[in-house]
Amino acid sequence: MAASPSRGEVLSLFRSFLRTARGFSDYNVREYTKRRAIDAFRHNKDLSEPSQVSAAFADGKSQLEIAKRQAIVYSLYAPEIKSVMELKH
């Protein structure tokens, strides 16, 4: 069984999620990714069992890799028109 991740490793994973979310050009996808990451980390913040923490951390790492791949795909097919939420007045 792998050792439980340190607090620094968990925070690093969280920051990586937020950094990856910024890579999405579409406002809705970007905000969804940020919201989903925040919700998942809040949901798992009370885990105390080392095996549960390790499993949640491993799942988070795999979800991060998926998000990174999706950011690349979305960048290839980025819309030419920005979202209404991003328009300058």
PDB file of N, CA and C in Angstrom:
ATOM      1  N   MET A   1       0.846  -1.173   0.000  1.00  0.00           N
ATOM      2  CA  MET A   1       0.000   0.000   0.000  1.00  0.00           C
ATOM      3  C   MET A   1       0.890   1.234   0.000  1.00  0.00           C
ATOM      4  N   ALA A   2       0.572   2.201  -0.833  1.00  0.00           N
ATOM      5  CA  ALA A   2       1.350   3.431  -0.925  1.00  0.00           C
ATOM      6  C   ALA A   2       1.096   4.309   0.296  1.00  0.00           C
ATOM      7  N   ALA A   3       2.101   5.102   0.621  1.00  0.00           N
ATOM      8  CA  ALA A   3       1.973   5.996   1.774  1.00  0.00           C
ATOM      9  C   ALA A   3       0.949   7.080   1.471  1.00  0.00           C
ATOM     10  N   SER A   4       0.322   7.555   2.513  1.00  0.00           N
ATOM     11  CA  SER A   4      -0.666   8.618   2.386  1.00  0.00           C
ATOM     12  C   SER A   4       0.026   9.902   1.918  1.00  0.00           C
ATOM     13  N   PRO A   5      -0.565  10.637   0.987  1.00  0.00           N
ATOM     14  CA  PRO A   5       0.077  11.856   0.472  1.00  0.00           C
ATOM     15  C   PRO A   5       0.150  12.934   1.550  1.00  0.00           C
ATOM     16  N   SER A   6       1.170  13.754   1.464  1.00  0.00           N
ATOM     17  CA  SER A   6       1.329  14.837   2.427  1.00  0.00           C
ATOM     18  C   SER A   6       0.374  15.979   2.074  1.00  0.00           C
ATOM     19  N   ARG A   7       0.228  16.898   3.002  1.00  0.00           N
ATOM     20  CA  ARG A   7      -0.638  18.063   2.777  1.00  0.00           C
ATOM     21  C   ARG A   7      -0.139  18.869   1.575  1.00  0.00           C
ATOM     22  N   GLY A   8       1.179  18.996   1.453  1.00  0.00           N
ATOM     23  CA  GLY A   8       1.767  19.719   0.333  1.00  0.00           C
ATOM     24  C   GLY A   8       1.454  19.076  -1.013  1.00  0.00           C
ATOM     25  N   GLU A   9       1.479  17.757  -1.043  1.00  0.00           N
ATOM     26  CA  GLU A   9       1.155  17.052  -2.291  1.00  0.00           C
ATOM     27  C   GLU A   9      -0.301  17.260  -2.675  1.00  0.00           C
ATOM     28  N   VAL A  10      -1.181  17.257  -1.673  1.00  0.00           N
ATOM     29  CA  VAL A  10      -2.608  17.465  -1.939  1.00  0.00           C
ATOM     30  C   VAL A  10      -2.839  18.889  -2.440  1.00  0.00           C
ATOM     31  N   LEU A  11      -2.205  19.869  -1.806  1.00  0.00           N
ATOM     32  CA  LEU A  11      -2.349  21.253  -2.250  1.00  0.00           C
ATOM     33  C   LEU A  11      -1.770  21.448  -3.651  1.00  0.00           C
ATOM     34  N   SER A  12      -0.683  20.778  -3.929  1.00  0.00           N
ATOM     35  CA  SER A  12      -0.096  20.848  -5.264  1.00  0.00           C
ATOM     36  C   SER A  12      -1.052  20.284  -6.314  1.00  0.00           C
ATOM     37  N   LEU A  13      -1.709  19.188  -5.979  1.00  0.00           N
ATOM     38  CA  LEU A  13      -2.695  18.603  -6.893  1.00  0.00           C
ATOM     39  C   LEU A  13      -3.850  19.572  -7.122  1.00  0.00           C
ATOM     40  N   PHE A  14      -4.306  20.218  -6.064  1.00  0.00           N
ATOM     41  CA  PHE A  14      -5.396  21.188  -6.169  1.00  0.00           C
ATOM     42  C   PHE A  14      -4.989  22.365  -7.060  1.00  0.00           C
ATOM     43  N   ARG A  15      -3.785  22.901  -6.842  1.00  0.00           N
ATOM     44  CA  ARG A  15      -3.313  24.013  -7.677  1.00  0.00           C
ATOM     45  C   ARG A  15      -3.164  23.582  -9.132  1.00  0.00           C
ATOM     46  N   SER A  16      -2.742  22.344  -9.347  1.00  0.00           N
ATOM     47  CA  SER A  16      -2.617  21.836 -10.718  1.00  0.00           C
ATOM     48  C   SER A  16      -3.977  21.787 -11.407  1.00  0.00           C
ATOM     49  N   PHE A  17      -5.013  21.399 -10.654  1.00  0.00           N
ATOM     50  CA  PHE A  17      -6.369  21.403 -11.213  1.00  0.00           C
ATOM     51  C   PHE A  17      -6.773  22.811 -11.631  1.00  0.00           C
ATOM     52  N   LEU A  18      -6.516  23.781 -10.768  1.00  0.00           N
ATOM     53  CA  LEU A  18      -6.896  25.157 -11.084  1.00  0.00           C
ATOM     54  C   LEU A  18      -6.099  25.692 -12.266  1.00  0.00           C
ATOM     55  N   ARG A  19      -4.822  25.340 -12.350  1.00  0.00           N
ATOM     56  CA  ARG A  19      -3.993  25.749 -13.484  1.00  0.00           C
ATOM     57  C   ARG A  19      -4.503  25.121 -14.778  1.00  0.00           C
ATOM     58  N   THR A  20      -4.868  23.855 -14.701  1.00  0.00           N
ATOM     59  CA  THR A  20      -5.387  23.161 -15.881  1.00  0.00           C
ATOM     60  C   THR A  20      -6.715  23.778 -16.321  1.00  0.00           C
ATOM     61  N   ALA A  21      -7.546  24.151 -15.362  1.00  0.00           N
ATOM     62  CA  ALA A  21      -8.832  24.765 -15.689  1.00  0.00           C
ATOM     63  C   ALA A  21      -8.632  26.058 -16.469  1.00  0.00           C
ATOM     64  N   ARG A  22      -7.586  26.809 -16.141  1.00  0.00           N
ATOM     65  CA  ARG A  22      -7.318  28.054 -16.880  1.00  0.00           C
ATOM     66  C   ARG A  22      -6.960  27.791 -18.331  1.00  0.00           C
ATOM     67  N   GLY A  23      -6.559  26.562 -18.646  1.00  0.00           N
ATOM     68  CA  GLY A  23      -6.186  26.212 -20.012  1.00  0.00           C
ATOM     69  C   GLY A  23      -7.361  26.046 -20.964  1.00  0.00           C
ATOM     70  N   PHE A  24      -8.573  25.967 -20.436  1.00  0.00           N
ATOM     71  CA  PHE A  24      -9.753  25.832 -21.292  1.00  0.00           C
ATOM     72  C   PHE A  24     -10.155  27.201 -21.822  1.00  0.00           C
ATOM     73  N   SER A  25     -10.331  27.303 -23.116  1.00  0.00           N
ATOM     74  CA  SER A  25     -10.713  28.590 -23.697  1.00  0.00           C
ATOM     75  C   SER A  25     -12.202  28.872 -23.509  1.00  0.00           C
ATOM     76  N   ASP A  26     -13.004  27.851 -23.419  1.00  0.00           N
ATOM     77  CA  ASP A  26     -14.444  28.019 -23.247  1.00  0.00           C
ATOM     78  C   ASP A  26     -14.766  28.348 -21.789  1.00  0.00           C
ATOM     79  N   TYR A  27     -15.473  29.447 -21.566  1.00  0.00           N
ATOM     80  CA  TYR A  27     -15.797  29.910 -20.216  1.00  0.00           C
ATOM     81  C   TYR A  27     -16.534  28.844 -19.410  1.00  0.00           C
ATOM     82  N   ASN A  28     -17.549  28.235 -20.002  1.00  0.00           N
ATOM     83  CA  ASN A  28     -18.365  27.266 -19.282  1.00  0.00           C
ATOM     84  C   ASN A  28     -17.554  26.040 -18.844  1.00  0.00           C
ATOM     85  N   VAL A  29     -16.727  25.547 -19.718  1.00  0.00           N
ATOM     86  CA  VAL A  29     -15.906  24.380 -19.388  1.00  0.00           C
ATOM     87  C   VAL A  29     -14.871  24.754 -18.335  1.00  0.00           C
ATOM     88  N   ARG A  30     -14.285  25.940 -18.477  1.00  0.00           N
ATOM     89  CA  ARG A  30     -13.287  26.412 -17.510  1.00  0.00           C
ATOM     90  C   ARG A  30     -13.898  26.518 -16.109  1.00  0.00           C
ATOM     91  N   GLU A  31     -15.060  27.151 -16.017  1.00  0.00           N
ATOM     92  CA  GLU A  31     -15.708  27.324 -14.720  1.00  0.00           C
ATOM     93  C   GLU A  31     -16.202  25.989 -14.155  1.00  0.00           C
ATOM     94  N   TYR A  32     -16.683  25.109 -15.020  1.00  0.00           N
ATOM     95  CA  TYR A  32     -17.117  23.789 -14.564  1.00  0.00           C
ATOM     96  C   TYR A  32     -15.942  23.015 -13.975  1.00  0.00           C
ATOM     97  N   THR A  33     -14.793  23.062 -14.647  1.00  0.00           N
ATOM     98  CA  THR A  33     -13.618  22.339 -14.177  1.00  0.00           C
ATOM     99  C   THR A  33     -13.164  22.871 -12.821  1.00  0.00           C
ATOM    100  N   LYS A  34     -13.144  24.197 -12.682  1.00  0.00           N
ATOM    101  CA  LYS A  34     -12.769  24.790 -11.390  1.00  0.00           C
ATOM    102  C   LYS A  34     -13.752  24.389 -10.300  1.00  0.00           C
ATOM    103  N   ARG A  35     -15.042  24.519 -10.590  1.00  0.00           N
ATOM    104  CA  ARG A  35     -16.074  24.198  -9.597  1.00  0.00           C
ATOM    105  C   ARG A  35     -16.021  22.723  -9.206  1.00  0.00           C
ATOM    106  N   ARG A  36     -15.818  21.858 -10.183  1.00  0.00           N
ATOM    107  CA  ARG A  36     -15.759  20.421  -9.919  1.00  0.00           C
ATOM    108  C   ARG A  36     -14.562  20.069  -9.043  1.00  0.00           C
ATOM    109  N   ALA A  37     -13.418  20.703  -9.306  1.00  0.00           N
ATOM    110  CA  ALA A  37     -12.229  20.461  -8.493  1.00  0.00           C
ATOM    111  C   ALA A  37     -12.441  20.933  -7.059  1.00  0.00           C
ATOM    112  N   ILE A  38     -12.973  22.121  -6.899  1.00  0.00           N
ATOM    113  CA  ILE A  38     -13.211  22.663  -5.560  1.00  0.00           C
ATOM    114  C   ILE A  38     -14.192  21.777  -4.796  1.00  0.00           C
ATOM    115  N   ASP A  39     -15.262  21.374  -5.446  1.00  0.00           N
ATOM    116  CA  ASP A  39     -16.256  20.515  -4.791  1.00  0.00           C
ATOM    117  C   ASP A  39     -15.668  19.164  -4.385  1.00  0.00           C
ATOM    118  N   ALA A  40     -14.854  18.579  -5.246  1.00  0.00           N
ATOM    119  CA  ALA A  40     -14.268  17.270  -4.937  1.00  0.00           C
ATOM    120  C   ALA A  40     -13.307  17.367  -3.759  1.00  0.00           C
ATOM    121  N   PHE A  41     -12.503  18.426  -3.725  1.00  0.00           N
ATOM    122  CA  PHE A  41     -11.568  18.570  -2.611  1.00  0.00           C
ATOM    123  C   PHE A  41     -12.308  18.860  -1.314  1.00  0.00           C
ATOM    124  N   ARG A  42     -13.360  19.641  -1.365  1.00  0.00           N
ATOM    125  CA  ARG A  42     -14.162  19.888  -0.164  1.00  0.00           C
ATOM    126  C   ARG A  42     -14.829  18.608   0.324  1.00  0.00           C
ATOM    127  N   HIS A  43     -15.298  17.807  -0.612  1.00  0.00           N
ATOM    128  CA  HIS A  43     -15.956  16.551  -0.258  1.00  0.00           C
ATOM    129  C   HIS A  43     -14.998  15.597   0.452  1.00  0.00           C
ATOM    130  N   ASN A  44     -13.743  15.597   0.024  1.00  0.00           N
ATOM    131  CA  ASN A  44     -12.764  14.653   0.568  1.00  0.00           C
ATOM    132  C   ASN A  44     -11.914  15.225   1.699  1.00  0.00           C
ATOM    133  N   LYS A  45     -12.176  16.448   2.127  1.00  0.00           N
ATOM    134  CA  LYS A  45     -11.308  17.064   3.130  1.00  0.00           C
ATOM    135  C   LYS A  45     -11.369  16.378   4.494  1.00  0.00           C
ATOM    136  N   ASP A  46     -12.452  15.688   4.806  1.00  0.00           N
ATOM    137  CA  ASP A  46     -12.596  15.059   6.109  1.00  0.00           C
ATOM    138  C   ASP A  46     -12.159  13.598   6.139  1.00  0.00           C
ATOM    139  N   LEU A  47     -11.566  13.122   5.067  1.00  0.00           N
ATOM    140  CA  LEU A  47     -11.091  11.739   5.055  1.00  0.00           C
ATOM    141  C   LEU A  47      -9.940  11.602   6.043  1.00  0.00           C
ATOM    142  N   SER A  48     -10.001  10.564   6.860  1.00  0.00           N
ATOM    143  CA  SER A  48      -8.933  10.367   7.846  1.00  0.00           C
ATOM    144  C   SER A  48      -8.242   9.010   7.685  1.00  0.00           C
ATOM    145  N   GLU A  49      -8.922   8.073   7.105  1.00  0.00           N
ATOM    146  CA  GLU A  49      -8.360   6.735   6.878  1.00  0.00           C
ATOM    147  C   GLU A  49      -7.276   6.843   5.794  1.00  0.00           C
ATOM    148  N   PRO A  50      -6.032   6.433   6.104  1.00  0.00           N
ATOM    149  CA  PRO A  50      -4.951   6.561   5.121  1.00  0.00           C
ATOM    150  C   PRO A  50      -5.252   5.890   3.776  1.00  0.00           C
ATOM    151  N   SER A  51      -5.932   4.763   3.811  1.00  0.00           N
ATOM    152  CA  SER A  51      -6.246   4.091   2.541  1.00  0.00           C
ATOM    153  C   SER A  51      -7.245   4.897   1.725  1.00  0.00           C
ATOM    154  N   GLN A  52      -8.197   5.533   2.392  1.00  0.00           N
ATOM    155  CA  GLN A  52      -9.174   6.372   1.684  1.00  0.00           C
ATOM    156  C   GLN A  52      -8.500   7.617   1.114  1.00  0.00           C
ATOM    157  N   VAL A  53      -7.597   8.209   1.884  1.00  0.00           N
ATOM    158  CA  VAL A  53      -6.880   9.398   1.420  1.00  0.00           C
ATOM    159  C   VAL A  53      -6.033   9.051   0.197  1.00  0.00           C
ATOM    160  N   SER A  54      -5.341   7.921   0.271  1.00  0.00           N
ATOM    161  CA  SER A  54      -4.506   7.492  -0.859  1.00  0.00           C
ATOM    162  C   SER A  54      -5.350   7.212  -2.094  1.00  0.00           C
ATOM    163  N   ALA A  55      -6.496   6.570  -1.898  1.00  0.00           N
ATOM    164  CA  ALA A  55      -7.381   6.278  -3.029  1.00  0.00           C
ATOM    165  C   ALA A  55      -7.930   7.561  -3.644  1.00  0.00           C
ATOM    166  N   ALA A  56      -8.335   8.515  -2.807  1.00  0.00           N
ATOM    167  CA  ALA A  56      -8.859   9.782  -3.311  1.00  0.00           C
ATOM    168  C   ALA A  56      -7.767  10.558  -4.047  1.00  0.00           C
ATOM    169  N   PHE A  57      -6.538  10.508  -3.520  1.00  0.00           N
ATOM    170  CA  PHE A  57      -5.417  11.199  -4.160  1.00  0.00           C
ATOM    171  C   PHE A  57      -5.107  10.579  -5.517  1.00  0.00           C
ATOM    172  N   ALA A  58      -5.098   9.261  -5.578  1.00  0.00           N
ATOM    173  CA  ALA A  58      -4.834   8.565  -6.847  1.00  0.00           C
ATOM    174  C   ALA A  58      -5.931   8.875  -7.863  1.00  0.00           C
ATOM    175  N   ASP A  59      -7.170   8.906  -7.400  1.00  0.00           N
ATOM    176  CA  ASP A  59      -8.280   9.251  -8.287  1.00  0.00           C
ATOM    177  C   ASP A  59      -8.134  10.689  -8.784  1.00  0.00           C
ATOM    178  N   GLY A  60      -7.730  11.579  -7.893  1.00  0.00           N
ATOM    179  CA  GLY A  60      -7.523  12.978  -8.285  1.00  0.00           C
ATOM    180  C   GLY A  60      -6.437  13.121  -9.333  1.00  0.00           C
ATOM    181  N   LYS A  61      -5.354  12.369  -9.175  1.00  0.00           N
ATOM    182  CA  LYS A  61      -4.276  12.420 -10.165  1.00  0.00           C
ATOM    183  C   LYS A  61      -4.754  11.926 -11.525  1.00  0.00           C
ATOM    184  N   SER A  62      -5.551  10.864 -11.534  1.00  0.00           N
ATOM    185  CA  SER A  62      -6.054  10.356 -12.815  1.00  0.00           C
ATOM    186  C   SER A  62      -7.043  11.343 -13.437  1.00  0.00           C
ATOM    187  N   GLN A  63      -7.863  11.991 -12.597  1.00  0.00           N
ATOM    188  CA  GLN A  63      -8.796  13.000 -13.116  1.00  0.00           C
ATOM    189  C   GLN A  63      -8.043  14.209 -13.674  1.00  0.00           C
ATOM    190  N   LEU A  64      -6.928  14.562 -13.041  1.00  0.00           N
ATOM    191  CA  LEU A  64      -6.112  15.669 -13.534  1.00  0.00           C
ATOM    192  C   LEU A  64      -5.548  15.350 -14.914  1.00  0.00           C
ATOM    193  N   GLU A  65      -5.076  14.134 -15.102  1.00  0.00           N
ATOM    194  CA  GLU A  65      -4.548  13.742 -16.416  1.00  0.00           C
ATOM    195  C   GLU A  65      -5.640  13.811 -17.484  1.00  0.00           C
ATOM    196  N   ILE A  66      -6.844  13.405 -17.129  1.00  0.00           N
ATOM    197  CA  ILE A  66      -7.967  13.491 -18.067  1.00  0.00           C
ATOM    198  C   ILE A  66      -8.252  14.946 -18.407  1.00  0.00           C
ATOM    199  N   ALA A  67      -8.262  15.809 -17.389  1.00  0.00           N
ATOM    200  CA  ALA A  67      -8.536  17.231 -17.615  1.00  0.00           C
ATOM    201  C   ALA A  67      -7.457  17.859 -18.502  1.00  0.00           C
ATOM    202  N   LYS A  68      -6.204  17.460 -18.302  1.00  0.00           N
ATOM    203  CA  LYS A  68      -5.123  17.990 -19.139  1.00  0.00           C
ATOM    204  C   LYS A  68      -5.304  17.583 -20.597  1.00  0.00           C
ATOM    205  N   ARG A  69      -5.671  16.326 -20.819  1.00  0.00           N
ATOM    206  CA  ARG A  69      -5.909  15.866 -22.196  1.00  0.00           C
ATOM    207  C   ARG A  69      -7.087  16.607 -22.820  1.00  0.00           C
ATOM    208  N   GLN A  70      -8.139  16.806 -22.032  1.00  0.00           N
ATOM    209  CA  GLN A  70      -9.311  17.517 -22.544  1.00  0.00           C
ATOM    210  C   GLN A  70      -8.979  18.973 -22.860  1.00  0.00           C
ATOM    211  N   ALA A  71      -8.121  19.603 -22.075  1.00  0.00           N
ATOM    212  CA  ALA A  71      -7.718  20.985 -22.341  1.00  0.00           C
ATOM    213  C   ALA A  71      -7.008  21.077 -23.685  1.00  0.00           C
ATOM    214  N   ILE A  72      -6.198  20.077 -23.995  1.00  0.00           N
ATOM    215  CA  ILE A  72      -5.506  20.055 -25.285  1.00  0.00           C
ATOM    216  C   ILE A  72      -6.515  19.910 -26.421  1.00  0.00           C
ATOM    217  N   VAL A  73      -7.457  18.999 -26.262  1.00  0.00           N
ATOM    218  CA  VAL A  73      -8.466  18.784 -27.305  1.00  0.00           C
ATOM    219  C   VAL A  73      -9.302  20.053 -27.492  1.00  0.00           C
ATOM    220  N   TYR A  74      -9.728  20.659 -26.397  1.00  0.00           N
ATOM    221  CA  TYR A  74     -10.525  21.883 -26.496  1.00  0.00           C
ATOM    222  C   TYR A  74      -9.736  23.011 -27.144  1.00  0.00           C
ATOM    223  N   SER A  75      -8.425  23.073 -26.909  1.00  0.00           N
ATOM    224  CA  SER A  75      -7.631  24.139 -27.519  1.00  0.00           C
ATOM    225  C   SER A  75      -7.531  23.953 -29.035  1.00  0.00           C
ATOM    226  N   LEU A  76      -7.609  22.713 -29.489  1.00  0.00           N
ATOM    227  CA  LEU A  76      -7.569  22.460 -30.930  1.00  0.00           C
ATOM    228  C   LEU A  76      -8.834  22.940 -31.629  1.00  0.00           C
ATOM    229  N   TYR A  77      -9.950  22.911 -30.911  1.00  0.00           N
ATOM    230  CA  TYR A  77     -11.234  23.285 -31.489  1.00  0.00           C
ATOM    231  C   TYR A  77     -11.840  24.470 -30.752  1.00  0.00           C
ATOM    232  N   ALA A  78     -11.011  25.440 -30.397  1.00  0.00           N
ATOM    233  CA  ALA A  78     -11.471  26.601 -29.636  1.00  0.00           C
ATOM    234  C   ALA A  78     -12.432  27.428 -30.489  1.00  0.00           C
ATOM    235  N   PRO A  79     -13.509  27.925 -29.884  1.00  0.00           N
ATOM    236  CA  PRO A  79     -14.451  28.759 -30.636  1.00  0.00           C
ATOM    237  C   PRO A  79     -13.822  30.105 -30.983  1.00  0.00           C
ATOM    238  N   GLU A  80     -14.224  30.662 -32.114  1.00  0.00           N
ATOM    239  CA  GLU A  80     -13.694  31.957 -32.532  1.00  0.00           C
ATOM    240  C   GLU A  80     -14.349  33.101 -31.767  1.00  0.00           C
ATOM    241  N   ILE A  81     -15.582  32.893 -31.334  1.00  0.00           N
ATOM    242  CA  ILE A  81     -16.325  33.922 -30.623  1.00  0.00           C
ATOM    243  C   ILE A  81     -16.239  33.629 -29.130  1.00  0.00           C
ATOM    244  N   LYS A  82     -15.951  34.668 -28.351  1.00  0.00           N
ATOM    245  CA  LYS A  82     -15.868  34.487 -26.906  1.00  0.00           C
ATOM    246  C   LYS A  82     -17.262  34.394 -26.307  1.00  0.00           C
ATOM    247  N   SER A  83     -17.308  33.888 -25.100  1.00  0.00           N
ATOM    248  CA  SER A  83     -18.552  33.810 -24.352  1.00  0.00           C
ATOM    249  C   SER A  83     -18.993  35.210 -23.953  1.00  0.00           C
ATOM    250  N   VAL A  84     -20.276  35.394 -23.740  1.00  0.00           N
ATOM    251  CA  VAL A  84     -20.813  36.674 -23.308  1.00  0.00           C
ATOM    252  C   VAL A  84     -20.153  37.094 -21.988  1.00  0.00           C
ATOM    253  N   MET A  85     -19.805  36.117 -21.155  1.00  0.00           N
ATOM    254  CA  MET A  85     -19.204  36.403 -19.859  1.00  0.00           C
ATOM    255  C   MET A  85     -17.803  37.009 -19.986  1.00  0.00           C
ATOM    256  N   GLU A  86     -17.173  36.838 -21.137  1.00  0.00           N
ATOM    257  CA  GLU A  86     -15.798  37.309 -21.317  1.00  0.00           C
ATOM    258  C   GLU A  86     -15.681  38.563 -22.156  1.00  0.00           C
ATOM    259  N   LEU A  87     -16.783  39.063 -22.704  1.00  0.00           N
ATOM    260  CA  LEU A  87     -16.747  40.241 -23.542  1.00  0.00           C
ATOM    261  C   LEU A  87     -16.431  41.481 -22.718  1.00  0.00           C
ATOM    262  N   LYS A  88     -15.618  42.353 -23.271  1.00  0.00           N
ATOM    263  CA  LYS A  88     -15.283  43.624 -22.606  1.00  0.00           C
ATOM    264  C   LYS A  88     -16.356  44.643 -22.956  1.00  0.00           C
ATOM    265  N   HIS A  89     -16.689  45.458 -21.997  1.00  0.00           N
ATOM    266  CA  HIS A  89     -17.727  46.486 -22.223  1.00  0.00           C
ATOM    267  C   HIS A  89     -17.160  47.689 -22.891  1.00  0.00           C
TER     268      HIS A  89
END
